[in-house]
Amino acid sequence: MRILVATKNPGKAKEIGMFLGTDFEVSSLKDLSDAPDIEETGNTFEENAILKAKAYFKWSGIPCVADDAGLEIDFLNGGEPGVKSRRWLGYEMTDQEMIDTALAKLQGIPWEKRTTRLIAVGAYYDGKNLIIERGSTEGFITEEQRIKCEPGYPFRSIFWIPRFKKLYQELTHEEHEQINHRRELYSKLAEKIKSL
């Protein structure tokens, strides 16, 4: 079955294709000409995923999967920065600004209240069926940044994974695959799509 992944990042599309499995022939927006940019105007991860899946299906006529992801820190107003992870302070933040903001907002907060999760919510739309799924990775925000962040993944340098007793960024490939929130999301989506 052909499926469009709503991303212009070929690496992300390839990874999502692996998560979906061999039953799907995956194309990305990069594979199609003149794909429009869809602004994420939703107030939740789910709203943004649905918005993109429906818009890109309407544009292409190809069944589409789309996701939105971010970080939720429980102590901060029930889950900041949430859907605004990259625009937490009202503008497009650098990786280091994102890290510094999280650490500053949690300064003096005890470990047990620093619980957090990486969330990915995805939507599949084929013009008739809408399927929503989610994946999450649980952990804690550290009290300080001990390692330089991997570009594009700022929170991984301050995200402690209790199961492995190390930072998310320090996980081996095998460990990462065991807790990957996008893998969880797309594995669930694939099962539901195949059952249509």
Protein backbone atom coordinates (compact mmCIF):
# COMPACT_ATOMS: atom_id res chain seq x y z
CA MET A 1 0.00 0.00 0.00
CA ARG A 2 1.33 3.43 -0.92
CA ILE A 3 1.45 5.98 1.87
CA LEU A 4 2.64 9.57 2.02
CA VAL A 5 4.66 10.66 5.05
CA ALA A 6 4.06 14.35 5.75
CA THR A 7 7.68 15.43 6.01
CA LYS A 8 10.23 16.98 3.69
CA ASN A 9 13.04 15.36 5.67
CA PRO A 10 14.09 12.21 3.75
CA GLY A 11 15.83 10.75 6.81
CA LYS A 12 12.70 11.07 8.92
CA ALA A 13 10.57 9.58 6.12
CA LYS A 14 12.94 6.62 5.83
CA GLU A 15 12.84 6.04 9.60
CA ILE A 16 9.03 6.23 9.65
CA GLY A 17 8.93 3.82 6.72
CA MET A 18 10.97 1.33 8.76
CA PHE A 19 8.60 1.78 11.71
CA LEU A 20 5.54 1.22 9.49
CA GLY A 21 7.00 -1.96 8.03
CA THR A 22 7.30 -3.65 4.66
CA ASP A 23 3.57 -3.63 3.88
CA PHE A 24 3.85 0.05 2.94
CA GLU A 25 5.49 1.83 0.01
CA VAL A 26 6.50 5.13 1.59
CA SER A 27 6.86 8.47 -0.19
CA SER A 28 7.81 11.75 1.44
CA LEU A 29 6.86 15.29 0.46
CA LYS A 30 10.38 15.57 -0.98
CA ASP A 31 9.44 12.86 -3.51
CA LEU A 32 6.56 14.96 -4.86
CA SER A 33 6.99 18.30 -6.57
CA ASP A 34 5.82 21.60 -5.10
CA ALA A 35 4.48 20.26 -1.80
CA PRO A 36 2.94 23.15 0.12
CA ASP A 37 3.98 24.05 3.65
CA ILE A 38 1.16 23.49 6.12
CA GLU A 39 1.23 25.74 9.17
CA GLU A 40 0.71 23.93 12.48
CA THR A 41 -2.05 26.06 13.97
CA GLY A 42 -3.51 23.47 16.35
CA ASN A 43 -3.48 23.76 20.12
CA THR A 44 -2.60 20.10 20.61
CA PHE A 45 -0.29 17.54 19.03
CA GLU A 46 -3.39 15.68 17.82
CA GLU A 47 -4.88 18.75 16.12
CA ASN A 48 -1.62 19.44 14.26
CA ALA A 49 -1.22 15.82 13.14
CA ILE A 50 -4.80 15.68 11.84
CA LEU A 51 -4.45 19.06 10.12
CA LYS A 52 -1.33 17.92 8.22
CA ALA A 53 -2.63 14.43 7.36
CA LYS A 54 -5.88 15.82 5.92
CA ALA A 55 -4.23 18.72 4.09
CA TYR A 56 -1.57 16.57 2.43
CA PHE A 57 -4.13 13.89 1.48
CA LYS A 58 -6.31 16.58 -0.09
CA TRP A 59 -3.29 17.98 -1.95
CA SER A 60 -1.87 14.62 -3.14
CA GLY A 61 -4.75 12.14 -3.17
CA ILE A 62 -2.42 9.66 -1.43
CA PRO A 63 -3.27 8.19 2.01
CA CYS A 64 -1.16 10.18 4.44
CA VAL A 65 0.43 9.90 7.87
CA ALA A 66 1.55 12.97 9.79
CA ASP A 67 2.76 13.56 13.30
CA ASP A 68 3.49 16.29 15.77
CA ALA A 69 5.80 15.82 18.71
CA GLY A 70 7.28 17.65 21.64
CA LEU A 71 8.13 17.61 25.31
CA GLU A 72 5.76 17.79 28.27
CA ILE A 73 7.14 18.63 31.72
CA ASP A 74 4.48 17.76 34.31
CA PHE A 75 5.43 20.43 36.87
CA LEU A 76 5.13 23.28 34.37
CA ASN A 77 1.46 24.17 34.06
CA GLY A 78 0.50 20.57 33.41
CA GLY A 79 2.83 19.96 30.51
CA GLU A 80 4.80 22.90 29.12
CA PRO A 81 6.24 23.40 26.59
CA GLY A 82 3.96 20.87 24.85
CA VAL A 83 2.85 21.71 21.34
CA LYS A 84 4.96 24.89 21.43
CA SER A 85 8.25 23.10 22.22
CA ARG A 86 10.29 24.96 19.59
CA ARG A 87 8.34 28.24 20.08
CA TRP A 88 8.07 28.07 23.88
CA LEU A 89 8.95 31.75 24.41
CA GLY A 90 6.85 32.95 21.47
CA TYR A 91 9.54 32.82 18.79
CA GLU A 92 11.61 30.15 17.01
CA MET A 93 14.15 29.23 19.70
CA THR A 94 17.65 27.83 19.26
CA ASP A 95 18.46 24.42 20.71
CA GLN A 96 20.43 26.02 23.54
CA GLU A 97 17.61 28.45 24.37
CA MET A 98 15.23 25.51 24.68
CA ILE A 99 17.59 23.74 27.09
CA ASP A 100 18.29 26.89 29.12
CA THR A 101 14.57 27.69 29.40
CA ALA A 102 13.68 24.21 30.67
CA LEU A 103 16.49 24.24 33.24
CA ALA A 104 15.65 27.78 34.41
CA LYS A 105 11.95 26.99 34.84
CA LEU A 106 12.84 23.92 36.94
CA GLN A 107 15.57 25.56 39.02
CA GLY A 108 15.21 24.45 42.65
CA ILE A 109 12.49 21.90 41.84
CA PRO A 110 13.12 18.50 43.49
CA TRP A 111 13.94 15.47 41.35
CA GLU A 112 10.63 13.68 41.94
CA LYS A 113 8.75 16.65 40.46
CA ARG A 114 10.90 16.85 37.30
CA THR A 115 8.94 14.12 35.46
CA THR A 116 8.64 14.57 31.73
CA ARG A 117 7.84 12.78 28.53
CA LEU A 118 8.53 13.03 24.85
CA ILE A 119 5.21 12.71 23.04
CA ALA A 120 4.51 11.91 19.41
CA VAL A 121 0.93 11.91 18.14
CA GLY A 122 0.21 10.72 14.64
CA ALA A 123 -2.73 10.72 12.28
CA TYR A 124 -3.54 8.62 9.23
CA TYR A 125 -6.09 9.90 6.72
CA ASP A 126 -7.20 8.35 3.43
CA GLY A 127 -10.21 10.51 2.59
CA LYS A 128 -12.53 8.22 4.54
CA ASN A 129 -10.74 6.82 7.59
CA LEU A 130 -9.03 8.86 10.29
CA ILE A 131 -6.81 7.01 12.77
CA ILE A 132 -5.03 8.68 15.68
CA GLU A 133 -2.27 7.07 17.77
CA ARG A 134 0.39 8.22 20.18
CA GLY A 135 3.71 7.15 21.61
CA SER A 136 5.66 8.45 24.58
CA THR A 137 9.01 8.12 26.31
CA GLU A 138 9.03 8.81 30.06
CA GLY A 139 11.87 10.33 32.06
CA PHE A 140 13.12 13.26 34.11
CA ILE A 141 14.71 16.61 33.30
CA THR A 142 18.19 16.82 34.83
CA GLU A 143 19.27 19.70 37.08
CA GLU A 144 22.01 20.79 34.70
CA GLN A 145 23.29 20.19 31.19
CA ARG A 146 26.38 17.97 31.33
CA ILE A 147 26.84 17.28 27.62
CA LYS A 148 26.53 19.32 24.43
CA CYS A 149 23.23 18.67 22.68
CA GLU A 150 22.82 16.87 19.39
CA PRO A 151 21.69 19.53 16.87
CA GLY A 152 17.93 19.43 16.38
CA TYR A 153 17.33 17.33 19.51
CA PRO A 154 18.01 19.72 22.40
CA PHE A 155 16.02 18.01 25.14
CA ARG A 156 17.83 14.70 24.70
CA SER A 157 20.87 16.21 26.46
CA ILE A 158 18.87 16.90 29.66
CA PHE A 159 16.37 14.00 29.48
CA TRP A 160 17.22 11.25 32.00
CA ILE A 161 15.94 7.73 31.21
CA PRO A 162 15.63 5.81 34.53
CA ARG A 163 15.35 2.44 32.79
CA PHE A 164 18.88 2.76 31.40
CA LYS A 165 20.28 5.16 34.03
CA LYS A 166 21.59 7.53 31.39
CA LEU A 167 20.66 10.53 29.30
CA TYR A 168 18.51 9.97 26.23
CA GLN A 169 21.35 11.28 24.07
CA GLU A 170 23.73 8.67 25.55
CA LEU A 171 21.54 5.69 24.64
CA THR A 172 22.90 3.09 22.27
CA HIS A 173 20.97 2.49 19.06
CA GLU A 174 19.52 -0.71 20.56
CA GLU A 175 18.42 1.07 23.76
CA HIS A 176 16.91 3.93 21.78
CA GLU A 177 14.86 1.53 19.67
CA GLN A 178 13.36 0.01 22.84
CA ILE A 179 11.91 3.33 24.01
CA ASN A 180 11.50 5.34 20.79
CA HIS A 181 8.17 7.19 21.00
CA ARG A 182 7.91 7.49 17.20
CA ARG A 183 8.49 3.75 16.78
CA GLU A 184 5.69 3.09 19.27
CA LEU A 185 3.39 5.53 17.47
CA TYR A 186 3.97 4.23 13.94
CA SER A 187 3.87 0.56 14.94
CA LYS A 188 0.40 1.15 16.42
CA LEU A 189 -0.71 3.14 13.35
CA ALA A 190 0.52 0.43 10.98
CA GLU A 191 -1.50 -2.26 12.75
CA LYS A 192 -4.69 -0.19 12.60
CA ILE A 193 -4.16 0.81 8.95
CA LYS A 194 -3.63 -2.84 7.95
CA SER A 195 -6.90 -3.79 9.66
CA LEU A 196 -8.99 -1.37 7.54
